[in-house]
N, C-alpha and C. Protein backbone atom coordinates (compact mmCIF):
# COMPACT_ATOMS: atom_id res chain seq x y z
N MET A 1 -29.51 -32.81 -46.28
CA MET A 1 -30.23 -34.04 -46.06
C MET A 1 -29.61 -35.18 -46.87
N ARG A 2 -29.14 -34.86 -48.08
CA ARG A 2 -28.58 -35.91 -48.92
C ARG A 2 -27.29 -36.47 -48.36
N ALA A 3 -26.60 -35.66 -47.57
CA ALA A 3 -25.32 -36.11 -47.03
C ALA A 3 -25.50 -36.91 -45.74
N GLY A 4 -26.74 -37.19 -45.36
CA GLY A 4 -26.99 -37.96 -44.16
C GLY A 4 -26.82 -37.14 -42.89
N ARG A 5 -26.96 -35.85 -42.99
CA ARG A 5 -26.78 -34.98 -41.84
C ARG A 5 -28.12 -34.49 -41.31
N THR A 6 -29.07 -35.43 -41.21
CA THR A 6 -30.41 -35.05 -40.77
C THR A 6 -30.44 -34.62 -39.31
N ALA A 7 -29.58 -35.18 -38.48
CA ALA A 7 -29.55 -34.80 -37.07
C ALA A 7 -29.17 -33.32 -36.92
N GLU A 8 -28.19 -32.89 -37.71
CA GLU A 8 -27.78 -31.48 -37.68
C GLU A 8 -28.90 -30.58 -38.19
N ALA A 9 -29.56 -31.00 -39.26
CA ALA A 9 -30.66 -30.21 -39.82
C ALA A 9 -31.81 -30.12 -38.82
N ASP A 10 -32.11 -31.22 -38.13
CA ASP A 10 -33.16 -31.20 -37.11
C ASP A 10 -32.80 -30.26 -35.97
N ALA A 11 -31.54 -30.27 -35.56
CA ALA A 11 -31.11 -29.39 -34.46
C ALA A 11 -31.23 -27.92 -34.85
N ILE A 12 -30.85 -27.61 -36.07
CA ILE A 12 -30.95 -26.22 -36.54
C ILE A 12 -32.41 -25.81 -36.64
N ALA A 13 -33.27 -26.69 -37.15
CA ALA A 13 -34.69 -26.39 -37.27
C ALA A 13 -35.31 -26.16 -35.89
N ALA A 14 -34.93 -26.95 -34.90
CA ALA A 14 -35.44 -26.78 -33.54
C ALA A 14 -34.98 -25.45 -32.96
N HIS A 15 -33.74 -25.08 -33.22
CA HIS A 15 -33.22 -23.81 -32.72
C HIS A 15 -33.97 -22.64 -33.34
N ILE A 16 -34.20 -22.69 -34.62
CA ILE A 16 -34.92 -21.62 -35.32
C ILE A 16 -36.37 -21.55 -34.83
N ARG A 17 -37.00 -22.72 -34.67
CA ARG A 17 -38.38 -22.76 -34.20
C ARG A 17 -38.48 -22.12 -32.81
N THR A 18 -37.52 -22.42 -31.93
CA THR A 18 -37.52 -21.84 -30.58
C THR A 18 -37.38 -20.33 -30.63
N ALA A 19 -36.48 -19.84 -31.49
CA ALA A 19 -36.26 -18.40 -31.61
C ALA A 19 -37.50 -17.69 -32.12
N ILE A 20 -38.15 -18.26 -33.12
CA ILE A 20 -39.36 -17.66 -33.68
C ILE A 20 -40.48 -17.66 -32.65
N THR A 21 -40.65 -18.76 -31.94
CA THR A 21 -41.70 -18.85 -30.92
C THR A 21 -41.46 -17.85 -29.80
N ARG A 22 -40.21 -17.74 -29.35
CA ARG A 22 -39.88 -16.79 -28.29
C ARG A 22 -40.17 -15.36 -28.73
N ASN A 23 -39.76 -15.03 -29.95
CA ASN A 23 -39.97 -13.67 -30.45
C ASN A 23 -41.46 -13.37 -30.63
N SER A 24 -42.21 -14.30 -31.18
CA SER A 24 -43.63 -14.08 -31.41
C SER A 24 -44.39 -13.96 -30.10
N SER A 25 -44.06 -14.81 -29.13
CA SER A 25 -44.79 -14.75 -27.86
C SER A 25 -44.47 -13.47 -27.12
N ARG A 26 -43.24 -12.98 -27.21
CA ARG A 26 -42.88 -11.72 -26.58
C ARG A 26 -43.66 -10.58 -27.22
N TRP A 27 -43.82 -10.64 -28.53
CA TRP A 27 -44.52 -9.60 -29.28
C TRP A 27 -46.02 -9.63 -28.97
N LEU A 28 -46.58 -10.83 -28.82
CA LEU A 28 -48.02 -10.97 -28.57
C LEU A 28 -48.37 -10.82 -27.09
N ARG A 29 -47.37 -10.82 -26.21
CA ARG A 29 -47.62 -10.74 -24.78
C ARG A 29 -48.34 -9.45 -24.38
N LYS A 30 -48.12 -8.38 -25.11
CA LYS A 30 -48.70 -7.07 -24.79
C LYS A 30 -50.17 -6.97 -25.16
N VAL A 31 -50.68 -7.91 -25.91
CA VAL A 31 -52.07 -7.84 -26.38
C VAL A 31 -52.98 -8.47 -25.34
N ASP A 32 -53.98 -7.71 -24.90
CA ASP A 32 -54.96 -8.21 -23.94
C ASP A 32 -56.17 -8.71 -24.72
N THR A 33 -56.36 -10.01 -24.77
CA THR A 33 -57.44 -10.59 -25.56
C THR A 33 -58.81 -10.30 -24.96
N ARG A 34 -58.87 -10.06 -23.65
CA ARG A 34 -60.17 -9.78 -23.02
C ARG A 34 -60.65 -8.36 -23.34
N LYS A 35 -59.72 -7.44 -23.47
CA LYS A 35 -60.10 -6.06 -23.74
C LYS A 35 -60.27 -5.78 -25.23
N SER A 36 -59.44 -6.41 -26.05
CA SER A 36 -59.48 -6.10 -27.46
C SER A 36 -59.19 -7.34 -28.30
N ALA A 37 -60.25 -8.10 -28.56
CA ALA A 37 -60.10 -9.30 -29.39
C ALA A 37 -59.74 -8.91 -30.82
N LYS A 38 -60.24 -7.78 -31.26
CA LYS A 38 -59.95 -7.32 -32.63
C LYS A 38 -58.45 -7.08 -32.80
N GLU A 39 -57.83 -6.43 -31.82
CA GLU A 39 -56.39 -6.17 -31.88
C GLU A 39 -55.60 -7.48 -31.81
N ALA A 40 -56.08 -8.42 -30.99
CA ALA A 40 -55.41 -9.71 -30.88
C ALA A 40 -55.42 -10.45 -32.21
N TRP A 41 -56.57 -10.49 -32.85
CA TRP A 41 -56.66 -11.18 -34.13
C TRP A 41 -55.87 -10.46 -35.22
N ALA A 42 -55.79 -9.15 -35.13
CA ALA A 42 -54.96 -8.40 -36.09
C ALA A 42 -53.49 -8.80 -35.93
N LYS A 43 -53.04 -8.96 -34.69
CA LYS A 43 -51.65 -9.38 -34.44
C LYS A 43 -51.43 -10.80 -34.93
N VAL A 44 -52.39 -11.69 -34.70
CA VAL A 44 -52.27 -13.08 -35.16
C VAL A 44 -52.17 -13.11 -36.69
N ARG A 45 -53.02 -12.33 -37.36
CA ARG A 45 -52.97 -12.28 -38.82
C ARG A 45 -51.63 -11.71 -39.29
N GLU A 46 -51.11 -10.73 -38.57
CA GLU A 46 -49.83 -10.12 -38.94
C GLU A 46 -48.70 -11.13 -38.81
N VAL A 47 -48.75 -11.97 -37.77
CA VAL A 47 -47.72 -12.99 -37.59
C VAL A 47 -47.82 -14.06 -38.67
N SER A 48 -49.04 -14.49 -38.95
CA SER A 48 -49.20 -15.59 -39.89
C SER A 48 -49.07 -15.18 -41.35
N LYS A 49 -49.44 -13.95 -41.69
CA LYS A 49 -49.40 -13.53 -43.09
C LYS A 49 -48.39 -12.44 -43.37
N GLY A 50 -47.75 -11.92 -42.36
CA GLY A 50 -46.83 -10.81 -42.55
C GLY A 50 -47.55 -9.49 -42.39
N LYS A 51 -46.81 -8.42 -42.41
CA LYS A 51 -47.39 -7.11 -42.17
C LYS A 51 -48.22 -6.60 -43.33
N GLY A 52 -48.02 -7.14 -44.51
CA GLY A 52 -48.82 -6.71 -45.65
C GLY A 52 -48.36 -5.40 -46.26
N ASN A 53 -47.12 -5.04 -46.05
CA ASN A 53 -46.61 -3.80 -46.63
C ASN A 53 -46.25 -3.94 -48.10
N TRP A 54 -46.18 -5.16 -48.58
CA TRP A 54 -45.83 -5.38 -49.97
C TRP A 54 -47.10 -5.34 -50.82
N THR A 55 -46.91 -5.10 -52.09
CA THR A 55 -48.05 -5.06 -53.01
C THR A 55 -47.84 -6.12 -54.09
N ASP A 56 -48.87 -6.39 -54.82
CA ASP A 56 -48.79 -7.37 -55.90
C ASP A 56 -48.36 -6.73 -57.21
N ASP A 57 -47.95 -5.48 -57.18
CA ASP A 57 -47.53 -4.80 -58.39
C ASP A 57 -46.26 -5.43 -58.93
N GLN A 58 -46.18 -5.45 -60.25
CA GLN A 58 -44.98 -5.99 -60.89
C GLN A 58 -43.93 -4.90 -60.99
N VAL A 59 -42.70 -5.32 -60.92
CA VAL A 59 -41.59 -4.39 -61.12
C VAL A 59 -41.28 -4.37 -62.60
N ASP A 60 -41.12 -3.17 -63.15
CA ASP A 60 -40.86 -3.04 -64.58
C ASP A 60 -39.59 -3.79 -64.97
N GLY A 61 -39.67 -4.58 -66.01
CA GLY A 61 -38.52 -5.27 -66.56
C GLY A 61 -38.24 -6.62 -65.92
N LEU A 62 -38.93 -6.99 -64.86
CA LEU A 62 -38.72 -8.28 -64.23
C LEU A 62 -39.87 -9.21 -64.57
N THR A 63 -39.53 -10.23 -65.32
CA THR A 63 -40.51 -11.25 -65.69
C THR A 63 -39.90 -12.62 -65.44
N ALA A 64 -40.70 -13.63 -65.57
CA ALA A 64 -40.19 -14.99 -65.41
C ALA A 64 -39.12 -15.27 -66.46
N GLN A 65 -39.32 -14.77 -67.67
CA GLN A 65 -38.34 -14.99 -68.73
C GLN A 65 -37.02 -14.29 -68.42
N THR A 66 -37.09 -13.12 -67.82
CA THR A 66 -35.88 -12.40 -67.44
C THR A 66 -35.08 -13.21 -66.43
N PHE A 67 -35.77 -13.76 -65.43
CA PHE A 67 -35.09 -14.59 -64.44
C PHE A 67 -34.52 -15.85 -65.07
N ASN A 68 -35.29 -16.49 -65.94
CA ASN A 68 -34.80 -17.70 -66.61
C ASN A 68 -33.55 -17.40 -67.43
N ASP A 69 -33.57 -16.32 -68.17
CA ASP A 69 -32.40 -15.96 -68.97
C ASP A 69 -31.19 -15.67 -68.09
N HIS A 70 -31.42 -14.97 -67.00
CA HIS A 70 -30.31 -14.64 -66.09
C HIS A 70 -29.68 -15.90 -65.51
N TYR A 71 -30.51 -16.80 -64.96
CA TYR A 71 -29.96 -18.00 -64.33
C TYR A 71 -29.39 -18.97 -65.35
N ALA A 72 -29.92 -18.98 -66.56
CA ALA A 72 -29.32 -19.80 -67.61
C ALA A 72 -27.95 -19.27 -67.97
N ALA A 73 -27.80 -17.95 -68.00
CA ALA A 73 -26.51 -17.35 -68.34
C ALA A 73 -25.46 -17.60 -67.27
N ILE A 74 -25.84 -17.52 -66.00
CA ILE A 74 -24.83 -17.69 -64.95
C ILE A 74 -24.55 -19.16 -64.65
N SER A 75 -25.42 -20.06 -65.09
CA SER A 75 -25.17 -21.46 -64.80
C SER A 75 -24.56 -22.20 -65.99
N THR A 76 -24.24 -21.48 -67.05
CA THR A 76 -23.63 -22.10 -68.22
C THR A 76 -22.11 -22.05 -68.09
N ASP A 77 -21.48 -23.19 -68.27
CA ASP A 77 -20.02 -23.26 -68.20
C ASP A 77 -19.47 -22.99 -69.60
N THR A 78 -18.83 -21.85 -69.77
CA THR A 78 -18.31 -21.47 -71.09
C THR A 78 -17.08 -22.29 -71.47
N ASP A 79 -16.42 -22.92 -70.49
CA ASP A 79 -15.23 -23.73 -70.77
C ASP A 79 -15.54 -25.21 -70.85
N TYR A 80 -16.81 -25.57 -70.98
CA TYR A 80 -17.19 -26.98 -71.02
C TYR A 80 -16.72 -27.64 -72.29
N CYS A 81 -16.15 -28.81 -72.15
CA CYS A 81 -15.75 -29.63 -73.29
C CYS A 81 -16.45 -30.98 -73.15
N ALA A 82 -17.11 -31.41 -74.19
CA ALA A 82 -17.82 -32.69 -74.14
C ALA A 82 -16.78 -33.81 -74.03
N PRO A 83 -17.07 -34.83 -73.23
CA PRO A 83 -16.13 -35.95 -73.09
C PRO A 83 -16.04 -36.73 -74.39
N THR A 84 -14.86 -37.24 -74.64
CA THR A 84 -14.65 -38.04 -75.84
C THR A 84 -15.13 -39.46 -75.59
N ARG A 85 -15.68 -40.06 -76.63
CA ARG A 85 -16.15 -41.45 -76.50
C ARG A 85 -14.99 -42.39 -76.72
N SER A 86 -14.93 -43.37 -75.89
CA SER A 86 -13.82 -44.34 -76.00
C SER A 86 -14.23 -45.56 -76.75
């Protein structure tokens, strides 16, 4: 966006939106809302919130501080030299 390439970004977003809509409608096409509204709403919730296979459990050793330390370490330039003042 900063490079002024909003037209390209819009085109990509439209392409992705079309692909997601096509896939979701194909997946929901098999659900008969007249026979099973409960199943239909379950599918809608699955699309909007995901399948729910993940849990809120924490992974041992991964904390916000661990991530901060990692990204600080990889984003530090060890060969940096401060500019001289003229």
